């Protein structure tokens, strides 16, 4: 199993946006090397989490051929 570069880039961008919106406005005034290391660790952790979530979700859809069946019974009613 290899790392998908596009999925990794999307995960890193999502994690960066999340940190920029939530942590940076507060941490900007006290930014030093130790806080930068903590934010870098948070970015890596969030990126890994989002990557894993996307990998599990999209690989599950691919293995079950969910897209080909077009069966969205939980989201669409037949009424």
N, C-alpha and C. Protein backbone atom coordinates (compact mmCIF):
# COMPACT_ATOMS: atom_id res chain seq x y z
N UNK A 1 0.85 -1.18 0.00
CA UNK A 1 0.00 0.00 0.00
C UNK A 1 0.89 1.24 0.00
N UNK A 2 0.64 2.13 -0.92
CA UNK A 2 1.44 3.34 -1.04
C UNK A 2 0.64 4.55 -0.57
N UNK A 3 1.36 5.61 -0.32
CA UNK A 3 0.71 6.85 0.11
C UNK A 3 0.27 7.62 -1.13
N UNK A 4 -0.98 7.99 -1.16
CA UNK A 4 -1.54 8.75 -2.27
C UNK A 4 -1.19 10.23 -2.07
N UNK A 5 -0.44 10.79 -3.00
CA UNK A 5 0.05 12.17 -2.86
C UNK A 5 -1.09 13.18 -2.84
N UNK A 6 -2.12 12.98 -3.68
CA UNK A 6 -3.24 13.93 -3.72
C UNK A 6 -4.04 13.89 -2.43
N UNK A 7 -4.26 12.69 -1.91
CA UNK A 7 -5.00 12.54 -0.66
C UNK A 7 -4.21 13.16 0.50
N UNK A 8 -2.89 12.98 0.48
CA UNK A 8 -2.04 13.57 1.52
C UNK A 8 -2.05 15.09 1.45
N UNK A 9 -2.00 15.64 0.23
CA UNK A 9 -2.04 17.10 0.06
C UNK A 9 -3.38 17.66 0.53
N UNK A 10 -4.46 16.98 0.21
CA UNK A 10 -5.78 17.43 0.65
C UNK A 10 -5.90 17.37 2.18
N UNK A 11 -5.36 16.33 2.77
CA UNK A 11 -5.40 16.20 4.23
C UNK A 11 -4.57 17.28 4.91
N UNK A 12 -3.39 17.56 4.37
CA UNK A 12 -2.54 18.59 4.95
C UNK A 12 -3.18 19.97 4.81
N UNK A 13 -3.81 20.22 3.68
CA UNK A 13 -4.49 21.51 3.49
C UNK A 13 -5.66 21.66 4.45
N UNK A 14 -6.42 20.61 4.64
CA UNK A 14 -7.53 20.66 5.59
C UNK A 14 -7.06 20.87 7.01
N UNK A 15 -5.99 20.20 7.39
CA UNK A 15 -5.44 20.37 8.73
C UNK A 15 -4.88 21.78 8.92
N UNK A 16 -4.24 22.31 7.90
CA UNK A 16 -3.69 23.67 7.98
C UNK A 16 -4.80 24.71 8.12
N UNK A 17 -5.87 24.53 7.39
CA UNK A 17 -7.00 25.46 7.50
C UNK A 17 -7.60 25.40 8.90
N UNK A 18 -7.76 24.19 9.42
CA UNK A 18 -8.32 24.02 10.76
C UNK A 18 -7.44 24.70 11.81
N UNK A 19 -6.13 24.51 11.74
CA UNK A 19 -5.23 25.16 12.69
C UNK A 19 -5.20 26.67 12.50
N UNK A 20 -5.24 27.12 11.26
CA UNK A 20 -5.21 28.56 11.00
C UNK A 20 -6.44 29.25 11.55
N UNK A 21 -7.57 28.60 11.49
CA UNK A 21 -8.81 29.21 11.97
C UNK A 21 -8.92 29.14 13.49
N UNK A 22 -8.50 28.04 14.08
CA UNK A 22 -8.73 27.85 15.51
C UNK A 22 -7.56 28.27 16.39
N UNK A 23 -6.36 27.86 16.04
CA UNK A 23 -5.23 28.08 16.95
C UNK A 23 -4.42 29.35 16.68
N UNK A 24 -4.26 29.71 15.44
CA UNK A 24 -3.37 30.83 15.12
C UNK A 24 -3.84 32.19 15.64
N UNK A 25 -5.10 32.52 15.63
CA UNK A 25 -5.46 33.83 16.18
C UNK A 25 -5.07 34.00 17.64
N UNK A 26 -5.17 32.93 18.41
CA UNK A 26 -4.81 32.99 19.82
C UNK A 26 -3.30 32.87 20.01
N UNK A 27 -2.66 31.99 19.28
CA UNK A 27 -1.25 31.69 19.49
C UNK A 27 -0.32 32.68 18.80
N UNK A 28 -0.82 33.51 17.93
CA UNK A 28 0.04 34.39 17.14
C UNK A 28 0.85 35.34 18.01
N UNK A 29 0.26 35.85 19.08
CA UNK A 29 0.95 36.82 19.93
C UNK A 29 2.05 36.18 20.77
N UNK A 30 1.91 34.91 21.09
CA UNK A 30 2.89 34.22 21.93
C UNK A 30 3.72 33.22 21.14
N UNK A 31 3.84 33.41 19.85
CA UNK A 31 4.52 32.43 19.00
C UNK A 31 6.02 32.42 19.28
N UNK A 32 6.54 31.28 19.70
CA UNK A 32 7.97 31.08 19.88
C UNK A 32 8.32 29.68 19.37
N UNK A 33 9.55 29.26 19.58
CA UNK A 33 9.97 27.98 18.99
C UNK A 33 9.24 26.79 19.58
N UNK A 34 8.98 26.81 20.88
CA UNK A 34 8.30 25.65 21.48
C UNK A 34 6.84 25.58 21.02
N UNK A 35 6.18 26.72 20.91
CA UNK A 35 4.81 26.73 20.42
C UNK A 35 4.74 26.36 18.94
N UNK A 36 5.75 26.75 18.19
CA UNK A 36 5.82 26.36 16.78
C UNK A 36 5.97 24.85 16.64
N UNK A 37 6.76 24.25 17.53
CA UNK A 37 6.92 22.80 17.52
C UNK A 37 5.61 22.10 17.87
N UNK A 38 4.89 22.64 18.84
CA UNK A 38 3.60 22.06 19.21
C UNK A 38 2.61 22.17 18.06
N UNK A 39 2.54 23.33 17.42
CA UNK A 39 1.64 23.50 16.28
C UNK A 39 2.03 22.60 15.10
N UNK A 40 3.33 22.40 14.90
CA UNK A 40 3.79 21.48 13.87
C UNK A 40 3.39 20.05 14.16
N UNK A 41 3.49 19.66 15.43
CA UNK A 41 3.04 18.33 15.84
C UNK A 41 1.54 18.16 15.66
N UNK A 42 0.79 19.21 16.02
CA UNK A 42 -0.66 19.16 15.82
C UNK A 42 -1.01 19.05 14.34
N UNK A 43 -0.28 19.77 13.50
CA UNK A 43 -0.52 19.69 12.06
C UNK A 43 -0.26 18.28 11.54
N UNK A 44 0.83 17.67 12.00
CA UNK A 44 1.15 16.31 11.57
C UNK A 44 0.10 15.32 12.06
N UNK A 45 -0.35 15.47 13.29
CA UNK A 45 -1.36 14.57 13.84
C UNK A 45 -2.69 14.71 13.12
N UNK A 46 -3.11 15.95 12.90
CA UNK A 46 -4.37 16.18 12.18
C UNK A 46 -4.30 15.69 10.75
N UNK A 47 -3.17 15.90 10.09
CA UNK A 47 -2.99 15.43 8.73
C UNK A 47 -3.09 13.91 8.67
N UNK A 48 -2.43 13.23 9.60
CA UNK A 48 -2.49 11.77 9.63
C UNK A 48 -3.90 11.28 9.91
N UNK A 49 -4.61 11.94 10.81
CA UNK A 49 -5.97 11.54 11.12
C UNK A 49 -6.92 11.71 9.95
N UNK A 50 -6.85 12.85 9.29
CA UNK A 50 -7.72 13.10 8.14
C UNK A 50 -7.36 12.17 6.99
N UNK A 51 -6.07 11.93 6.78
CA UNK A 51 -5.65 11.00 5.73
C UNK A 51 -6.20 9.60 5.99
N UNK A 52 -6.10 9.15 7.23
CA UNK A 52 -6.60 7.81 7.58
C UNK A 52 -8.11 7.73 7.41
N UNK A 53 -8.82 8.77 7.82
CA UNK A 53 -10.27 8.77 7.68
C UNK A 53 -10.69 8.72 6.21
N UNK A 54 -10.03 9.52 5.38
CA UNK A 54 -10.35 9.51 3.95
C UNK A 54 -9.97 8.17 3.33
N UNK A 55 -8.84 7.62 3.72
CA UNK A 55 -8.42 6.34 3.16
C UNK A 55 -9.41 5.24 3.50
N UNK A 56 -9.84 5.20 4.73
CA UNK A 56 -10.80 4.16 5.14
C UNK A 56 -12.12 4.35 4.42
N UNK A 57 -12.61 5.57 4.37
CA UNK A 57 -13.91 5.83 3.74
C UNK A 57 -13.89 5.53 2.25
N UNK A 58 -12.94 6.10 1.53
CA UNK A 58 -12.93 5.95 0.08
C UNK A 58 -12.52 4.54 -0.34
N UNK A 59 -11.62 3.89 0.39
CA UNK A 59 -11.25 2.52 0.06
C UNK A 59 -12.40 1.57 0.34
N UNK A 60 -13.18 1.85 1.37
CA UNK A 60 -14.35 1.03 1.66
C UNK A 60 -15.36 1.17 0.52
N UNK A 61 -15.59 2.37 0.04
CA UNK A 61 -16.50 2.57 -1.09
C UNK A 61 -16.00 1.84 -2.33
N UNK A 62 -14.69 1.88 -2.55
CA UNK A 62 -14.12 1.22 -3.71
C UNK A 62 -14.25 -0.30 -3.60
N UNK A 63 -14.00 -0.85 -2.43
CA UNK A 63 -14.07 -2.30 -2.26
C UNK A 63 -15.51 -2.81 -2.33
N UNK A 64 -16.46 -2.04 -1.85
CA UNK A 64 -17.85 -2.49 -1.89
C UNK A 64 -18.56 -2.08 -3.17
N UNK A 65 -17.86 -1.38 -4.04
CA UNK A 65 -18.41 -0.90 -5.32
C UNK A 65 -19.70 -0.10 -5.08
N UNK A 66 -19.65 0.74 -4.07
CA UNK A 66 -20.82 1.52 -3.68
C UNK A 66 -21.24 2.49 -4.77
N UNK A 67 -20.28 3.05 -5.47
CA UNK A 67 -20.61 4.03 -6.52
C UNK A 67 -21.31 3.36 -7.70
N UNK A 68 -20.90 2.14 -8.03
CA UNK A 68 -21.50 1.45 -9.17
C UNK A 68 -22.94 1.05 -8.89
N UNK A 69 -23.24 0.71 -7.66
CA UNK A 69 -24.59 0.27 -7.31
C UNK A 69 -25.58 1.42 -7.28
N UNK A 70 -25.09 2.60 -6.99
CA UNK A 70 -25.94 3.79 -6.85
C UNK A 70 -27.03 3.56 -5.81
N UNK A 71 -26.67 2.88 -4.74
CA UNK A 71 -27.66 2.60 -3.70
C UNK A 71 -27.38 3.50 -2.50
N UNK A 72 -28.06 4.56 -2.41
CA UNK A 72 -27.95 5.49 -1.30
C UNK A 72 -29.24 5.43 -0.49
N UNK A 73 -29.55 4.27 0.01
CA UNK A 73 -30.84 4.06 0.66
C UNK A 73 -30.98 4.86 1.94
N UNK A 74 -29.88 5.23 2.57
CA UNK A 74 -29.98 5.99 3.82
C UNK A 74 -30.18 7.49 3.57
N UNK A 75 -29.86 7.94 2.40
CA UNK A 75 -29.95 9.38 2.15
C UNK A 75 -31.08 9.77 1.22
N UNK A 76 -31.59 8.84 0.46
CA UNK A 76 -32.66 9.17 -0.49
C UNK A 76 -33.84 8.22 -0.29
N UNK A 77 -35.01 8.77 -0.25
CA UNK A 77 -36.19 7.93 -0.13
C UNK A 77 -36.77 7.64 -1.51
N UNK A 78 -37.62 6.65 -1.60
CA UNK A 78 -38.22 6.27 -2.88
C UNK A 78 -39.58 6.93 -3.10
N UNK A 79 -39.95 7.86 -2.25
CA UNK A 79 -41.25 8.53 -2.37
C UNK A 79 -41.29 9.48 -3.52
